Protein backbone atom coordinates (compact mmCIF):
# COMPACT_ATOMS: atom_id res chain seq x y z
CA MET A 1 26.40 -48.93 -10.67
CA SER A 2 28.51 -49.26 -13.81
CA ASP A 3 32.08 -47.97 -13.78
CA LYS A 4 31.62 -46.62 -17.32
CA SER A 5 30.28 -43.12 -17.91
CA PHE A 6 28.42 -42.09 -21.03
CA VAL A 7 26.56 -39.22 -22.65
CA LEU A 8 23.52 -39.94 -24.82
CA MET A 9 22.92 -37.54 -27.73
CA SER A 10 20.98 -37.68 -30.95
CA LEU A 11 23.22 -37.64 -34.00
CA LYS A 12 20.74 -35.26 -35.59
CA GLU A 13 21.43 -32.49 -33.07
CA ASP A 14 23.37 -29.46 -34.31
CA LYS A 15 25.52 -29.55 -31.20
CA VAL A 16 27.03 -32.95 -32.01
CA LYS A 17 30.00 -31.54 -33.96
CA LYS A 18 30.95 -29.08 -31.20
CA MET A 19 30.41 -31.68 -28.49
CA THR A 20 32.62 -34.13 -30.37
CA GLN A 21 35.40 -31.53 -30.43
CA VAL A 22 34.99 -30.93 -26.71
CA LEU A 23 35.03 -34.65 -25.93
CA ASN A 24 38.21 -35.09 -27.94
CA ASN A 25 39.85 -32.94 -25.26
CA ASP A 26 41.40 -35.24 -22.62
CA THR A 27 40.96 -32.67 -19.85
CA CYS A 28 37.26 -32.23 -20.60
CA ARG A 29 36.76 -35.98 -20.48
CA LYS A 30 38.62 -36.24 -17.16
CA ILE A 31 36.48 -33.46 -15.70
CA LEU A 32 33.27 -35.07 -16.95
CA GLU A 33 34.27 -38.43 -15.50
CA PHE A 34 35.16 -36.82 -12.18
CA LEU A 35 31.85 -34.94 -12.09
CA SER A 36 29.89 -38.08 -12.89
CA ASN A 37 31.11 -39.47 -9.55
CA ASN A 38 31.25 -36.15 -7.66
CA GLU A 39 28.20 -34.18 -8.78
CA LYS A 40 28.57 -31.43 -6.17
CA ALA A 41 32.29 -30.85 -6.76
CA THR A 42 33.47 -27.28 -7.13
CA ALA A 43 36.07 -25.99 -9.58
CA THR A 44 38.52 -25.99 -6.67
CA ASP A 45 37.74 -29.65 -5.94
CA ILE A 46 38.32 -30.54 -9.58
CA SER A 47 41.59 -28.61 -9.67
CA LYS A 48 42.92 -30.25 -6.50
CA LYS A 49 41.75 -33.81 -7.13
CA LEU A 50 42.79 -33.93 -10.80
CA ASN A 51 45.91 -31.79 -10.34
CA ILE A 52 44.81 -29.35 -13.06
CA ALA A 53 45.47 -25.61 -12.98
CA MET A 54 42.41 -23.59 -11.97
CA SER A 55 42.54 -21.58 -15.21
CA THR A 56 42.44 -24.85 -17.18
CA VAL A 57 39.52 -26.10 -15.11
CA HIS A 58 37.58 -22.87 -15.74
CA TYR A 59 38.31 -22.96 -19.47
CA ASN A 60 37.20 -26.57 -19.82
CA LEU A 61 34.10 -26.11 -17.65
CA LYS A 62 33.10 -23.21 -19.91
CA GLN A 63 33.56 -25.40 -22.99
CA LEU A 64 31.44 -28.12 -21.42
CA SER A 65 28.80 -25.66 -20.24
CA ASP A 66 28.58 -23.94 -23.62
CA ASN A 67 27.93 -27.32 -25.22
CA GLY A 68 25.32 -28.48 -22.76
């Protein structure tokens, strides 16, 4: 398995602009990378393993969820 993670999106999708803004967020990218290797991780797991405040994890998960 490759050690690089990626998301495939059509550039014609309306969500691309919002997703680009989300992916510019370092914390969102760290969470996505963590989840790509730990699919069943909980918000608590993310908070503990990445040393991120739970409120920050929840905020960023909402941003990611809202953008698919």
